[in-house]
């Protein structure tokens, strides 16, 4: 049996419990500001300016199975980009993008009418970004700032990025700063969404402020 914590990381929060890289006098929000469970660590990360699903556990083997590239857990993002990508840009994302560190694997991508997400705090400035498009983008690798680099490569910089799923685990209705616990009664296999072990889900927890900035 393993415990897995699903957390909605807010915008401008580090994906770690301490901030070792802060400048003198600088205070940045960390995971310690919203979840107080001893001995857990994140399986992977999200950038400081990205939002969404982060998985944590105290089970090192489970963390490895979730985060190691060999297992190719698909990651689903909702991405707000500058402008309106045309069919050529969409097909380039699907086929794979030539980045400085090599070609990306083919991605699944589609346009969305709406994001289904609450507004970010702070929201985007519509005067600076009058025309934007929401995409759903699914990748099976995790290079540094990969999604942002992919959309920039096709001429549509990412303005907002929210991870909504990792493999079978979904953000669902967790608000920023909220988390819930699942109990896995068998090892988490490499699986597709909707298949595999059915977890027992604990009630959602509200954020636990600990003095950091939000």
C-alpha atoms as a PDB file:
ATOM      1  CA  UNK A   1       0.000   0.000   0.000  1.00  0.00           C
ATOM      2  CA  UNK A   2       1.275   3.476  -0.931  1.00  0.00           C
ATOM      3  CA  UNK A   3      -0.056   6.954  -0.303  1.00  0.00           C
ATOM      4  CA  UNK A   4      -0.131   9.424  -3.172  1.00  0.00           C
ATOM      5  CA  UNK A   5      -0.918  13.126  -2.748  1.00  0.00           C
ATOM      6  CA  UNK A   6      -2.425  15.066  -5.654  1.00  0.00           C
ATOM      7  CA  UNK A   7      -1.823  18.793  -5.304  1.00  0.00           C
ATOM      8  CA  UNK A   8      -2.786  21.802  -7.414  1.00  0.00           C
ATOM      9  CA  UNK A   9       0.366  23.905  -7.485  1.00  0.00           C
ATOM     10  CA  UNK A  10      -0.497  27.596  -7.752  1.00  0.00           C
ATOM     11  CA  UNK A  11       1.112  30.094 -10.095  1.00  0.00           C
ATOM     12  CA  UNK A  12       4.458  31.431  -8.871  1.00  0.00           C
ATOM     13  CA  UNK A  13       5.118  28.687  -6.362  1.00  0.00           C
ATOM     14  CA  UNK A  14       8.218  26.486  -6.299  1.00  0.00           C
ATOM     15  CA  UNK A  15       7.785  22.715  -6.724  1.00  0.00           C
ATOM     16  CA  UNK A  16       9.826  22.087  -3.573  1.00  0.00           C
ATOM     17  CA  UNK A  17       9.541  22.533   0.171  1.00  0.00           C
ATOM     18  CA  UNK A  18      12.452  24.931   0.673  1.00  0.00           C
ATOM     19  CA  UNK A  19      13.836  27.803  -1.369  1.00  0.00           C
ATOM     20  CA  UNK A  20      17.596  27.410  -1.476  1.00  0.00           C
ATOM     21  CA  UNK A  21      17.978  29.723  -4.473  1.00  0.00           C
ATOM     22  CA  UNK A  22      16.314  32.809  -3.052  1.00  0.00           C
ATOM     23  CA  UNK A  23      18.178  36.102  -3.203  1.00  0.00           C
ATOM     24  CA  UNK A  24      18.803  37.996   0.055  1.00  0.00           C
ATOM     25  CA  UNK A  25      15.525  39.481   1.226  1.00  0.00           C
ATOM     26  CA  UNK A  26      13.507  37.547  -1.360  1.00  0.00           C
ATOM     27  CA  UNK A  27      10.594  35.371  -0.260  1.00  0.00           C
ATOM     28  CA  UNK A  28       9.102  32.848  -2.671  1.00  0.00           C
ATOM     29  CA  UNK A  29       6.173  30.530  -1.959  1.00  0.00           C
ATOM     30  CA  UNK A  30       6.981  26.823  -1.600  1.00  0.00           C
ATOM     31  CA  UNK A  31       5.008  23.616  -1.153  1.00  0.00           C
ATOM     32  CA  UNK A  32       5.488  23.962   2.609  1.00  0.00           C
ATOM     33  CA  UNK A  33       3.020  26.855   2.492  1.00  0.00           C
ATOM     34  CA  UNK A  34       0.107  24.634   1.430  1.00  0.00           C
ATOM     35  CA  UNK A  35       0.793  21.024   2.505  1.00  0.00           C
ATOM     36  CA  UNK A  36       2.153  19.880   5.848  1.00  0.00           C
ATOM     37  CA  UNK A  37       2.761  16.137   5.483  1.00  0.00           C
ATOM     38  CA  UNK A  38       6.166  14.931   6.721  1.00  0.00           C
ATOM     39  CA  UNK A  39       8.441  12.851   4.531  1.00  0.00           C
ATOM     40  CA  UNK A  40       6.810  13.360   1.142  1.00  0.00           C
ATOM     41  CA  UNK A  41       8.566  14.441  -2.049  1.00  0.00           C
ATOM     42  CA  UNK A  42       7.309  15.475  -5.490  1.00  0.00           C
ATOM     43  CA  UNK A  43       7.435  13.058  -8.420  1.00  0.00           C
ATOM     44  CA  UNK A  44       8.744  15.497 -11.012  1.00  0.00           C
ATOM     45  CA  UNK A  45       8.228  19.228 -10.977  1.00  0.00           C
ATOM     46  CA  UNK A  46       6.439  22.199 -12.466  1.00  0.00           C
ATOM     47  CA  UNK A  47       8.119  25.487 -13.289  1.00  0.00           C
ATOM     48  CA  UNK A  48       7.666  28.455 -10.962  1.00  0.00           C
ATOM     49  CA  UNK A  49       5.356  30.142 -13.499  1.00  0.00           C
ATOM     50  CA  UNK A  50       3.366  26.989 -14.351  1.00  0.00           C
ATOM     51  CA  UNK A  51       0.326  25.649 -12.531  1.00  0.00           C
ATOM     52  CA  UNK A  52      -1.542  22.442 -12.002  1.00  0.00           C
ATOM     53  CA  UNK A  53      -1.129  18.844 -10.955  1.00  0.00           C
ATOM     54  CA  UNK A  54       1.849  17.782  -8.871  1.00  0.00           C
ATOM     55  CA  UNK A  55       2.120  14.257  -7.432  1.00  0.00           C
ATOM     56  CA  UNK A  56       3.875  13.625  -4.108  1.00  0.00           C
ATOM     57  CA  UNK A  57       4.591  10.537  -2.020  1.00  0.00           C
ATOM     58  CA  UNK A  58       6.859   9.133   0.691  1.00  0.00           C
ATOM     59  CA  UNK A  59       7.295   5.962  -1.407  1.00  0.00           C
ATOM     60  CA  UNK A  60      10.551   6.289  -3.352  1.00  0.00           C
ATOM     61  CA  UNK A  61       9.752   3.395  -5.672  1.00  0.00           C
ATOM     62  CA  UNK A  62       6.382   4.919  -6.552  1.00  0.00           C
ATOM     63  CA  UNK A  63       7.997   8.291  -7.228  1.00  0.00           C
ATOM     64  CA  UNK A  64      10.479   6.569  -9.543  1.00  0.00           C
ATOM     65  CA  UNK A  65       7.740   4.734 -11.442  1.00  0.00           C
ATOM     66  CA  UNK A  66       5.820   7.955 -11.963  1.00  0.00           C
ATOM     67  CA  UNK A  67       8.659  10.295 -12.854  1.00  0.00           C
ATOM     68  CA  UNK A  68      11.297   8.206 -14.666  1.00  0.00           C
ATOM     69  CA  UNK A  69      11.291   8.906 -18.440  1.00  0.00           C
ATOM     70  CA  UNK A  70      11.472   5.174 -19.172  1.00  0.00           C
ATOM     71  CA  UNK A  71       7.866   4.748 -18.052  1.00  0.00           C
ATOM     72  CA  UNK A  72       6.610   7.492 -20.407  1.00  0.00           C
ATOM     73  CA  UNK A  73       3.689   8.636 -18.280  1.00  0.00           C
ATOM     74  CA  UNK A  74       1.646  10.923 -20.560  1.00  0.00           C
ATOM     75  CA  UNK A  75       1.258  14.447 -19.238  1.00  0.00           C
ATOM     76  CA  UNK A  76      -1.743  16.533 -20.271  1.00  0.00           C
ATOM     77  CA  UNK A  77      -1.588  20.322 -20.322  1.00  0.00           C
ATOM     78  CA  UNK A  78      -3.989  23.124 -21.070  1.00  0.00           C
ATOM     79  CA  UNK A  79      -1.964  25.848 -22.688  1.00  0.00           C
ATOM     80  CA  UNK A  80      -2.974  29.422 -23.456  1.00  0.00           C
ATOM     81  CA  UNK A  81      -0.864  30.738 -26.337  1.00  0.00           C
ATOM     82  CA  UNK A  82      -0.436  34.055 -28.065  1.00  0.00           C
ATOM     83  CA  UNK A  83      -2.431  34.391 -31.283  1.00  0.00           C
ATOM     84  CA  UNK A  84      -4.265  31.680 -33.210  1.00  0.00           C
ATOM     85  CA  UNK A  85      -2.152  28.693 -34.361  1.00  0.00           C
ATOM     86  CA  UNK A  86      -2.962  27.667 -37.916  1.00  0.00           C
ATOM     87  CA  UNK A  87      -3.096  24.101 -39.225  1.00  0.00           C
ATOM     88  CA  UNK A  88       0.608  24.138 -40.138  1.00  0.00           C
ATOM     89  CA  UNK A  89       1.586  25.065 -36.572  1.00  0.00           C
ATOM     90  CA  UNK A  90      -0.723  22.400 -35.134  1.00  0.00           C
ATOM     91  CA  UNK A  91       0.681  19.723 -37.421  1.00  0.00           C
ATOM     92  CA  UNK A  92       4.244  20.714 -36.524  1.00  0.00           C
ATOM     93  CA  UNK A  93       3.463  20.201 -32.833  1.00  0.00           C
ATOM     94  CA  UNK A  94       1.882  16.823 -33.606  1.00  0.00           C
ATOM     95  CA  UNK A  95       4.807  15.620 -35.708  1.00  0.00           C
ATOM     96  CA  UNK A  96       7.565  16.733 -33.330  1.00  0.00           C
ATOM     97  CA  UNK A  97       9.521  19.964 -32.961  1.00  0.00           C
ATOM     98  CA  UNK A  98      13.257  20.416 -33.546  1.00  0.00           C
ATOM     99  CA  UNK A  99      14.541  21.993 -30.319  1.00  0.00           C
ATOM    100  CA  UNK A 100      18.153  22.711 -29.439  1.00  0.00           C
ATOM    101  CA  UNK A 101      18.324  19.454 -27.467  1.00  0.00           C
ATOM    102  CA  UNK A 102      16.836  17.384 -30.293  1.00  0.00           C
ATOM    103  CA  UNK A 103      13.491  16.459 -31.793  1.00  0.00           C
ATOM    104  CA  UNK A 104      10.556  16.085 -29.472  1.00  0.00           C
ATOM    105  CA  UNK A 105       8.372  13.024 -29.653  1.00  0.00           C
ATOM    106  CA  UNK A 106       5.066  13.455 -31.489  1.00  0.00           C
ATOM    107  CA  UNK A 107       2.458  15.170 -29.329  1.00  0.00           C
ATOM    108  CA  UNK A 108      -1.305  15.067 -29.253  1.00  0.00           C
ATOM    109  CA  UNK A 109      -2.719  18.552 -29.610  1.00  0.00           C
ATOM    110  CA  UNK A 110      -6.131  20.066 -30.218  1.00  0.00           C
ATOM    111  CA  UNK A 111      -7.775  23.457 -29.935  1.00  0.00           C
ATOM    112  CA  UNK A 112     -10.177  24.126 -27.063  1.00  0.00           C
ATOM    113  CA  UNK A 113     -13.182  26.404 -27.131  1.00  0.00           C
ATOM    114  CA  UNK A 114     -12.664  27.157 -23.434  1.00  0.00           C
ATOM    115  CA  UNK A 115     -10.071  26.109 -20.886  1.00  0.00           C
ATOM    116  CA  UNK A 116     -12.530  24.946 -18.230  1.00  0.00           C
ATOM    117  CA  UNK A 117     -10.239  26.615 -15.688  1.00  0.00           C
ATOM    118  CA  UNK A 118     -10.720  29.459 -13.269  1.00  0.00           C
ATOM    119  CA  UNK A 119      -8.908  32.717 -14.008  1.00  0.00           C
ATOM    120  CA  UNK A 120      -5.327  32.914 -12.867  1.00  0.00           C
ATOM    121  CA  UNK A 121      -4.335  35.155  -9.955  1.00  0.00           C
ATOM    122  CA  UNK A 122      -3.127  37.562 -11.220  1.00  0.00           C
ATOM    123  CA  UNK A 123      -4.963  37.270 -14.576  1.00  0.00           C
ATOM    124  CA  UNK A 124      -3.442  37.940 -17.969  1.00  0.00           C
ATOM    125  CA  UNK A 125      -3.673  41.542 -19.167  1.00  0.00           C
ATOM    126  CA  UNK A 126      -6.099  41.550 -22.149  1.00  0.00           C
ATOM    127  CA  UNK A 127      -4.603  44.794 -23.419  1.00  0.00           C
ATOM    128  CA  UNK A 128      -1.184  43.149 -23.769  1.00  0.00           C
ATOM    129  CA  UNK A 129      -2.629  39.884 -25.087  1.00  0.00           C
ATOM    130  CA  UNK A 130      -5.825  40.696 -27.000  1.00  0.00           C
ATOM    131  CA  UNK A 131      -5.905  37.440 -29.001  1.00  0.00           C
ATOM    132  CA  UNK A 132      -5.138  34.089 -27.401  1.00  0.00           C
ATOM    133  CA  UNK A 133      -5.970  30.420 -28.004  1.00  0.00           C
ATOM    134  CA  UNK A 134      -6.332  27.513 -25.591  1.00  0.00           C
ATOM    135  CA  UNK A 135      -4.784  24.191 -26.595  1.00  0.00           C
ATOM    136  CA  UNK A 136      -4.776  20.763 -25.013  1.00  0.00           C
ATOM    137  CA  UNK A 137      -1.329  19.256 -25.444  1.00  0.00           C
ATOM    138  CA  UNK A 138      -0.280  15.752 -24.374  1.00  0.00           C
ATOM    139  CA  UNK A 139       3.389  14.734 -24.295  1.00  0.00           C
ATOM    140  CA  UNK A 140       5.180  11.636 -23.017  1.00  0.00           C
ATOM    141  CA  UNK A 141       8.518  13.211 -22.113  1.00  0.00           C
ATOM    142  CA  UNK A 142       9.551  15.941 -19.727  1.00  0.00           C
ATOM    143  CA  UNK A 143      12.374  18.164 -20.943  1.00  0.00           C
ATOM    144  CA  UNK A 144      13.003  21.479 -19.252  1.00  0.00           C
ATOM    145  CA  UNK A 145      10.250  23.962 -20.204  1.00  0.00           C
ATOM    146  CA  UNK A 146       9.403  21.712 -23.129  1.00  0.00           C
ATOM    147  CA  UNK A 147       5.842  22.840 -23.816  1.00  0.00           C
ATOM    148  CA  UNK A 148       6.823  26.494 -23.714  1.00  0.00           C
ATOM    149  CA  UNK A 149       9.689  25.876 -26.123  1.00  0.00           C
ATOM    150  CA  UNK A 150       7.463  23.884 -28.472  1.00  0.00           C
ATOM    151  CA  UNK A 151       4.793  26.569 -28.787  1.00  0.00           C
ATOM    152  CA  UNK A 152       7.413  29.317 -29.125  1.00  0.00           C
ATOM    153  CA  UNK A 153       9.038  27.328 -31.947  1.00  0.00           C
ATOM    154  CA  UNK A 154       5.821  27.466 -33.988  1.00  0.00           C
ATOM    155  CA  UNK A 155       5.398  31.195 -33.332  1.00  0.00           C
ATOM    156  CA  UNK A 156       2.871  31.136 -30.484  1.00  0.00           C
ATOM    157  CA  UNK A 157       4.496  31.768 -27.091  1.00  0.00           C
ATOM    158  CA  UNK A 158       2.865  30.195 -24.055  1.00  0.00           C
ATOM    159  CA  UNK A 159       1.142  32.709 -21.777  1.00  0.00           C
ATOM    160  CA  UNK A 160      -0.347  30.285 -19.272  1.00  0.00           C
ATOM    161  CA  UNK A 161       0.350  26.597 -18.694  1.00  0.00           C
ATOM    162  CA  UNK A 162      -1.698  24.282 -16.468  1.00  0.00           C
ATOM    163  CA  UNK A 163      -0.993  20.550 -16.096  1.00  0.00           C
ATOM    164  CA  UNK A 164      -4.296  18.735 -15.669  1.00  0.00           C
ATOM    165  CA  UNK A 165      -3.204  15.064 -15.742  1.00  0.00           C
ATOM    166  CA  UNK A 166      -0.244  12.742 -15.261  1.00  0.00           C
ATOM    167  CA  UNK A 167      -1.043   9.273 -16.558  1.00  0.00           C
ATOM    168  CA  UNK A 168      -4.332   8.223 -14.899  1.00  0.00           C
ATOM    169  CA  UNK A 169      -4.217  10.902 -12.204  1.00  0.00           C
ATOM    170  CA  UNK A 170      -6.224  14.057 -12.902  1.00  0.00           C
ATOM    171  CA  UNK A 171      -6.497  17.488 -11.352  1.00  0.00           C
ATOM    172  CA  UNK A 172     -10.312  17.370 -11.518  1.00  0.00           C
ATOM    173  CA  UNK A 173     -11.870  20.074  -9.314  1.00  0.00           C
ATOM    174  CA  UNK A 174      -8.921  20.808  -7.033  1.00  0.00           C
ATOM    175  CA  UNK A 175      -8.523  24.557  -6.645  1.00  0.00           C
ATOM    176  CA  UNK A 176      -5.044  26.152  -6.512  1.00  0.00           C
ATOM    177  CA  UNK A 177      -3.440  25.269  -3.188  1.00  0.00           C
ATOM    178  CA  UNK A 178      -5.771  22.319  -2.503  1.00  0.00           C
ATOM    179  CA  UNK A 179      -4.745  18.656  -2.329  1.00  0.00           C
ATOM    180  CA  UNK A 180      -6.202  15.219  -1.810  1.00  0.00           C
ATOM    181  CA  UNK A 181      -4.797  11.839  -0.830  1.00  0.00           C
ATOM    182  CA  UNK A 182      -5.206   8.514  -2.632  1.00  0.00           C
ATOM    183  CA  UNK A 183      -4.316   5.082  -1.312  1.00  0.00           C
ATOM    184  CA  UNK A 184      -2.845   2.708  -3.890  1.00  0.00           C
ATOM    185  CA  UNK A 185      -3.332  -0.925  -2.942  1.00  0.00           C
ATOM    186  CA  UNK A 186      -0.985  -2.252  -5.638  1.00  0.00           C
ATOM    187  CA  UNK A 187       2.059  -0.913  -7.521  1.00  0.00           C
ATOM    188  CA  UNK A 188       1.143   1.788 -10.012  1.00  0.00           C
ATOM    189  CA  UNK A 189       1.752   0.206 -13.435  1.00  0.00           C
ATOM    190  CA  UNK A 190       2.383   1.880 -16.748  1.00  0.00           C
ATOM    191  CA  UNK A 191      -1.201   2.357 -17.773  1.00  0.00           C
ATOM    192  CA  UNK A 192      -3.635   4.504 -19.663  1.00  0.00           C
ATOM    193  CA  UNK A 193      -6.062   6.872 -18.063  1.00  0.00           C
ATOM    194  CA  UNK A 194      -9.093   5.124 -16.706  1.00  0.00           C
ATOM    195  CA  UNK A 195      -7.395   1.737 -16.322  1.00  0.00           C
ATOM    196  CA  UNK A 196      -5.531   0.011 -13.528  1.00  0.00           C
ATOM    197  CA  UNK A 197      -5.897   0.079  -9.789  1.00  0.00           C
ATOM    198  CA  UNK A 198      -8.870   1.956  -8.406  1.00  0.00           C
ATOM    199  CA  UNK A 199      -7.578   4.202  -5.603  1.00  0.00           C
ATOM    200  CA  UNK A 200      -9.341   5.073  -2.390  1.00  0.00           C
ATOM    201  CA  UNK A 201      -9.576   8.845  -2.212  1.00  0.00           C
ATOM    202  CA  UNK A 202      -9.373  10.866   0.987  1.00  0.00           C
ATOM    203  CA  UNK A 203     -11.327  14.114   1.351  1.00  0.00           C
ATOM    204  CA  UNK A 204      -9.860  17.199  -0.246  1.00  0.00           C
ATOM    205  CA  UNK A 205      -7.751  19.342   2.054  1.00  0.00           C
ATOM    206  CA  UNK A 206      -7.783  23.092   2.107  1.00  0.00           C
ATOM    207  CA  UNK A 207      -4.487  24.997   1.935  1.00  0.00           C
ATOM    208  CA  UNK A 208      -2.548  25.238   5.182  1.00  0.00           C
ATOM    209  CA  UNK A 209      -0.928  28.729   5.195  1.00  0.00           C
ATOM    210  CA  UNK A 210       2.489  28.839   6.788  1.00  0.00           C
ATOM    211  CA  UNK A 211       3.486  32.414   6.247  1.00  0.00           C
ATOM    212  CA  UNK A 212       4.682  32.294   2.649  1.00  0.00           C
ATOM    213  CA  UNK A 213       3.443  34.466  -0.191  1.00  0.00           C
ATOM    214  CA  UNK A 214       0.703  33.117  -2.447  1.00  0.00           C
END
